[in-house]
């Protein structure tokens, strides 16, 4: 997997600034952080919260 270095991050930042503008950056960053946090919470299952095996339907 290729690594993302400083030049690549700067190019991405410039593109984001051009698309959203400087004023929207804090809002975009906050929304992105909340989305990542929510994704992590939903994908990690704690042992105490594991869903029980689903019952098979009897025909």
PDB file of N, CA and C in Angstrom:
ATOM      1  N   UNK A   1       0.856  -1.173   0.000  1.00  0.00           N
ATOM      2  CA  UNK A   1       0.000   0.000   0.000  1.00  0.00           C
ATOM      3  C   UNK A   1       0.898   1.231   0.000  1.00  0.00           C
ATOM      4  N   UNK A   2       0.673   2.134  -0.948  1.00  0.00           N
ATOM      5  CA  UNK A   2       1.523   3.324  -1.006  1.00  0.00           C
ATOM      6  C   UNK A   2       1.268   4.250   0.181  1.00  0.00           C
ATOM      7  N   UNK A   3       2.314   4.881   0.599  1.00  0.00           N
ATOM      8  CA  UNK A   3       2.200   5.815   1.722  1.00  0.00           C
ATOM      9  C   UNK A   3       1.877   7.213   1.199  1.00  0.00           C
ATOM     10  N   UNK A   4       1.132   7.956   1.995  1.00  0.00           N
ATOM     11  CA  UNK A   4       0.784   9.327   1.639  1.00  0.00           C
ATOM     12  C   UNK A   4       1.784  10.238   2.336  1.00  0.00           C
ATOM     13  N   UNK A   5       2.552  10.966   1.538  1.00  0.00           N
ATOM     14  CA  UNK A   5       3.571  11.848   2.090  1.00  0.00           C
ATOM     15  C   UNK A   5       3.089  13.281   2.160  1.00  0.00           C
ATOM     16  N   UNK A   6       4.002  14.160   2.512  1.00  0.00           N
ATOM     17  CA  UNK A   6       3.683  15.580   2.651  1.00  0.00           C
ATOM     18  C   UNK A   6       3.233  16.204   1.325  1.00  0.00           C
ATOM     19  N   UNK A   7       3.925  15.957   0.211  1.00  0.00           N
ATOM     20  CA  UNK A   7       3.463  16.575  -1.049  1.00  0.00           C
ATOM     21  C   UNK A   7       2.040  16.164  -1.430  1.00  0.00           C
ATOM     22  N   UNK A   8       1.719  14.891  -1.214  1.00  0.00           N
ATOM     23  CA  UNK A   8       0.372  14.427  -1.540  1.00  0.00           C
ATOM     24  C   UNK A   8      -0.680  15.088  -0.643  1.00  0.00           C
ATOM     25  N   UNK A   9      -0.355  15.224   0.645  1.00  0.00           N
ATOM     26  CA  UNK A   9      -1.293  15.884   1.565  1.00  0.00           C
ATOM     27  C   UNK A   9      -1.508  17.341   1.191  1.00  0.00           C
ATOM     28  N   UNK A  10      -0.456  18.019   0.769  1.00  0.00           N
ATOM     29  CA  UNK A  10      -0.602  19.419   0.346  1.00  0.00           C
ATOM     30  C   UNK A  10      -1.477  19.541  -0.894  1.00  0.00           C
ATOM     31  N   UNK A  11      -1.313  18.631  -1.834  1.00  0.00           N
ATOM     32  CA  UNK A  11      -2.158  18.657  -3.039  1.00  0.00           C
ATOM     33  C   UNK A  11      -3.615  18.428  -2.667  1.00  0.00           C
ATOM     34  N   UNK A  12      -3.873  17.475  -1.788  1.00  0.00           N
ATOM     35  CA  UNK A  12      -5.242  17.206  -1.339  1.00  0.00           C
ATOM     36  C   UNK A  12      -5.821  18.418  -0.626  1.00  0.00           C
ATOM     37  N   UNK A  13      -5.030  19.070   0.228  1.00  0.00           N
ATOM     38  CA  UNK A  13      -5.490  20.257   0.945  1.00  0.00           C
ATOM     39  C   UNK A  13      -5.841  21.388  -0.014  1.00  0.00           C
ATOM     40  N   UNK A  14      -5.026  21.602  -1.031  1.00  0.00           N
ATOM     41  CA  UNK A  14      -5.302  22.646  -2.022  1.00  0.00           C
ATOM     42  C   UNK A  14      -6.603  22.351  -2.762  1.00  0.00           C
ATOM     43  N   UNK A  15      -6.818  21.108  -3.133  1.00  0.00           N
ATOM     44  CA  UNK A  15      -8.051  20.743  -3.836  1.00  0.00           C
ATOM     45  C   UNK A  15      -9.267  20.959  -2.939  1.00  0.00           C
ATOM     46  N   UNK A  16      -9.162  20.595  -1.668  1.00  0.00           N
ATOM     47  CA  UNK A  16     -10.271  20.780  -0.732  1.00  0.00           C
ATOM     48  C   UNK A  16     -10.575  22.264  -0.548  1.00  0.00           C
ATOM     49  N   UNK A  17      -9.536  23.089  -0.446  1.00  0.00           N
ATOM     50  CA  UNK A  17      -9.738  24.537  -0.291  1.00  0.00           C
ATOM     51  C   UNK A  17     -10.412  25.103  -1.530  1.00  0.00           C
ATOM     52  N   UNK A  18     -10.011  24.649  -2.703  1.00  0.00           N
ATOM     53  CA  UNK A  18     -10.633  25.141  -3.935  1.00  0.00           C
ATOM     54  C   UNK A  18     -12.096  24.735  -4.035  1.00  0.00           C
ATOM     55  N   UNK A  19     -12.418  23.547  -3.574  1.00  0.00           N
ATOM     56  CA  UNK A  19     -13.798  23.062  -3.678  1.00  0.00           C
ATOM     57  C   UNK A  19     -14.696  23.705  -2.627  1.00  0.00           C
ATOM     58  N   UNK A  20     -14.270  23.700  -1.363  1.00  0.00           N
ATOM     59  CA  UNK A  20     -15.146  24.143  -0.280  1.00  0.00           C
ATOM     60  C   UNK A  20     -14.905  25.576   0.165  1.00  0.00           C
ATOM     61  N   UNK A  21     -13.727  26.114  -0.054  1.00  0.00           N
ATOM     62  CA  UNK A  21     -13.414  27.453   0.425  1.00  0.00           C
ATOM     63  C   UNK A  21     -12.863  27.399   1.843  1.00  0.00           C
ATOM     64  N   UNK A  22     -12.155  28.449   2.226  1.00  0.00           N
ATOM     65  CA  UNK A  22     -11.492  28.486   3.527  1.00  0.00           C
ATOM     66  C   UNK A  22     -12.500  28.522   4.673  1.00  0.00           C
ATOM     67  N   UNK A  23     -13.612  29.186   4.497  1.00  0.00           N
ATOM     68  CA  UNK A  23     -14.604  29.329   5.561  1.00  0.00           C
ATOM     69  C   UNK A  23     -15.283  28.032   5.951  1.00  0.00           C
ATOM     70  N   UNK A  24     -15.396  27.088   5.023  1.00  0.00           N
ATOM     71  CA  UNK A  24     -16.095  25.825   5.291  1.00  0.00           C
ATOM     72  C   UNK A  24     -15.175  24.741   5.829  1.00  0.00           C
ATOM     73  N   UNK A  25     -13.858  24.953   5.846  1.00  0.00           N
ATOM     74  CA  UNK A  25     -12.929  23.903   6.270  1.00  0.00           C
ATOM     75  C   UNK A  25     -13.194  23.374   7.679  1.00  0.00           C
ATOM     76  N   UNK A  26     -13.430  24.228   8.687  1.00  0.00           N
ATOM     77  CA  UNK A  26     -13.708  23.671  10.023  1.00  0.00           C
ATOM     78  C   UNK A  26     -14.969  22.798  10.055  1.00  0.00           C
ATOM     79  N   UNK A  27     -15.980  23.207   9.320  1.00  0.00           N
ATOM     80  CA  UNK A  27     -17.218  22.439   9.269  1.00  0.00           C
ATOM     81  C   UNK A  27     -16.995  21.094   8.576  1.00  0.00           C
ATOM     82  N   UNK A  28     -16.237  21.105   7.489  1.00  0.00           N
ATOM     83  CA  UNK A  28     -15.947  19.866   6.759  1.00  0.00           C
ATOM     84  C   UNK A  28     -15.110  18.933   7.631  1.00  0.00           C
ATOM     85  N   UNK A  29     -14.117  19.468   8.313  1.00  0.00           N
ATOM     86  CA  UNK A  29     -13.275  18.657   9.196  1.00  0.00           C
ATOM     87  C   UNK A  29     -14.061  18.049  10.336  1.00  0.00           C
ATOM     88  N   UNK A  30     -14.948  18.824  10.917  1.00  0.00           N
ATOM     89  CA  UNK A  30     -15.775  18.323  12.012  1.00  0.00           C
ATOM     90  C   UNK A  30     -16.698  17.203  11.531  1.00  0.00           C
ATOM     91  N   UNK A  31     -17.320  17.396  10.385  1.00  0.00           N
ATOM     92  CA  UNK A  31     -18.212  16.374   9.842  1.00  0.00           C
ATOM     93  C   UNK A  31     -17.449  15.096   9.511  1.00  0.00           C
ATOM     94  N   UNK A  32     -16.267  15.246   8.952  1.00  0.00           N
ATOM     95  CA  UNK A  32     -15.453  14.084   8.616  1.00  0.00           C
ATOM     96  C   UNK A  32     -15.043  13.330   9.880  1.00  0.00           C
ATOM     97  N   UNK A  33     -14.666  14.056  10.918  1.00  0.00           N
ATOM     98  CA  UNK A  33     -14.289  13.430  12.184  1.00  0.00           C
ATOM     99  C   UNK A  33     -15.439  12.674  12.813  1.00  0.00           C
ATOM    100  N   UNK A  34     -16.629  13.258  12.783  1.00  0.00           N
ATOM    101  CA  UNK A  34     -17.812  12.578  13.336  1.00  0.00           C
ATOM    102  C   UNK A  34     -18.144  11.325  12.535  1.00  0.00           C
ATOM    103  N   UNK A  35     -17.987  11.398  11.220  1.00  0.00           N
ATOM    104  CA  UNK A  35     -18.276  10.240  10.381  1.00  0.00           C
ATOM    105  C   UNK A  35     -17.300   9.103  10.658  1.00  0.00           C
ATOM    106  N   UNK A  36     -16.021   9.427  10.779  1.00  0.00           N
ATOM    107  CA  UNK A  36     -15.017   8.403  11.065  1.00  0.00           C
ATOM    108  C   UNK A  36     -15.247   7.798  12.439  1.00  0.00           C
ATOM    109  N   UNK A  37     -15.556   8.630  13.426  1.00  0.00           N
ATOM    110  CA  UNK A  37     -15.810   8.141  14.781  1.00  0.00           C
ATOM    111  C   UNK A  37     -17.021   7.205  14.796  1.00  0.00           C
ATOM    112  N   UNK A  38     -18.079   7.591  14.110  1.00  0.00           N
ATOM    113  CA  UNK A  38     -19.273   6.745  14.047  1.00  0.00           C
ATOM    114  C   UNK A  38     -19.000   5.429  13.348  1.00  0.00           C
ATOM    115  N   UNK A  39     -18.204   5.468  12.282  1.00  0.00           N
ATOM    116  CA  UNK A  39     -17.858   4.246  11.564  1.00  0.00           C
ATOM    117  C   UNK A  39     -17.064   3.309  12.461  1.00  0.00           C
ATOM    118  N   UNK A  40     -16.111   3.837  13.187  1.00  0.00           N
ATOM    119  CA  UNK A  40     -15.304   3.007  14.085  1.00  0.00           C
ATOM    120  C   UNK A  40     -16.157   2.393  15.189  1.00  0.00           C
ATOM    121  N   UNK A  41     -17.084   3.168  15.744  1.00  0.00           N
ATOM    122  CA  UNK A  41     -17.942   2.653  16.806  1.00  0.00           C
ATOM    123  C   UNK A  41     -18.833   1.516  16.299  1.00  0.00           C
ATOM    124  N   UNK A  42     -19.301   1.627  15.069  1.00  0.00           N
ATOM    125  CA  UNK A  42     -20.195   0.605  14.527  1.00  0.00           C
ATOM    126  C   UNK A  42     -19.451  -0.642  14.066  1.00  0.00           C
ATOM    127  N   UNK A  43     -18.192  -0.510  13.690  1.00  0.00           N
ATOM    128  CA  UNK A  43     -17.465  -1.671  13.192  1.00  0.00           C
ATOM    129  C   UNK A  43     -16.765  -2.454  14.287  1.00  0.00           C
ATOM    130  N   UNK A  44     -16.524  -1.857  15.437  1.00  0.00           N
ATOM    131  CA  UNK A  44     -15.896  -2.594  16.530  1.00  0.00           C
ATOM    132  C   UNK A  44     -16.992  -3.090  17.463  1.00  0.00           C
ATOM    133  N   UNK A  45     -16.984  -4.388  17.698  1.00  0.00           N
ATOM    134  CA  UNK A  45     -17.982  -4.995  18.571  1.00  0.00           C
ATOM    135  C   UNK A  45     -17.270  -5.462  19.830  1.00  0.00           C
ATOM    136  N   UNK A  46     -17.704  -4.966  20.938  1.00  0.00           N
ATOM    137  CA  UNK A  46     -17.132  -5.368  22.216  1.00  0.00           C
ATOM    138  C   UNK A  46     -17.673  -6.752  22.579  1.00  0.00           C
ATOM    139  N   UNK A  47     -16.898  -7.555  23.296  1.00  0.00           N
ATOM    140  CA  UNK A  47     -17.354  -8.908  23.629  1.00  0.00           C
ATOM    141  C   UNK A  47     -18.702  -8.957  24.340  1.00  0.00           C
ATOM    142  N   UNK A  48     -18.987  -7.993  25.187  1.00  0.00           N
ATOM    143  CA  UNK A  48     -20.254  -7.991  25.919  1.00  0.00           C
ATOM    144  C   UNK A  48     -21.427  -7.605  25.021  1.00  0.00           C
ATOM    145  N   UNK A  49     -21.149  -6.980  23.879  1.00  0.00           N
ATOM    146  CA  UNK A  49     -22.218  -6.492  23.014  1.00  0.00           C
ATOM    147  C   UNK A  49     -22.414  -7.338  21.761  1.00  0.00           C
ATOM    148  N   UNK A  50     -21.763  -8.503  21.676  1.00  0.00           N
ATOM    149  CA  UNK A  50     -21.890  -9.327  20.479  1.00  0.00           C
ATOM    150  C   UNK A  50     -23.337  -9.764  20.317  1.00  0.00           C
ATOM    151  N   UNK A  51     -23.847  -9.641  19.100  1.00  0.00           N
ATOM    152  CA  UNK A  51     -25.229 -10.087  18.872  1.00  0.00           C
ATOM    153  C   UNK A  51     -25.310 -11.602  18.967  1.00  0.00           C
ATOM    154  N   UNK A  52     -26.397 -12.067  19.501  1.00  0.00           N
ATOM    155  CA  UNK A  52     -26.586 -13.507  19.643  1.00  0.00           C
ATOM    156  C   UNK A  52     -26.859 -14.101  18.282  1.00  0.00           C
ATOM    157  N   UNK A  53     -26.596 -15.363  18.160  1.00  0.00           N
ATOM    158  CA  UNK A  53     -26.808 -16.052  16.889  1.00  0.00           C
ATOM    159  C   UNK A  53     -28.283 -15.947  16.507  1.00  0.00           C
ATOM    160  N   UNK A  54     -28.498 -15.624  15.235  1.00  0.00           N
ATOM    161  CA  UNK A  54     -29.880 -15.503  14.757  1.00  0.00           C
ATOM    162  C   UNK A  54     -30.493 -16.891  14.623  1.00  0.00           C
ATOM    163  N   UNK A  55     -31.745 -16.961  15.016  1.00  0.00           N
ATOM    164  CA  UNK A  55     -32.436 -18.226  14.899  1.00  0.00           C
ATOM    165  C   UNK A  55     -32.820 -18.459  13.438  1.00  0.00           C
ATOM    166  N   UNK A  56     -32.630 -19.707  12.996  1.00  0.00           N
ATOM    167  CA  UNK A  56     -33.009 -20.038  11.630  1.00  0.00           C
ATOM    168  C   UNK A  56     -34.511 -20.214  11.549  1.00  0.00           C
ATOM    169  N   UNK A  57     -35.045 -19.784  10.419  1.00  0.00           N
ATOM    170  CA  UNK A  57     -36.492 -19.931  10.210  1.00  0.00           C
ATOM    171  C   UNK A  57     -36.809 -21.391   9.902  1.00  0.00           C
ATOM    172  N   UNK A  58     -37.862 -21.874  10.533  1.00  0.00           N
ATOM    173  CA  UNK A  58     -38.313 -23.230  10.257  1.00  0.00           C
ATOM    174  C   UNK A  58     -39.437 -23.141   9.242  1.00  0.00           C
ATOM    175  N   UNK A  59     -39.290 -23.895   8.152  1.00  0.00           N
ATOM    176  CA  UNK A  59     -40.324 -23.898   7.104  1.00  0.00           C
ATOM    177  C   UNK A  59     -41.340 -24.938   7.348  1.00  0.00           C
TER     178      UNK A  59
END
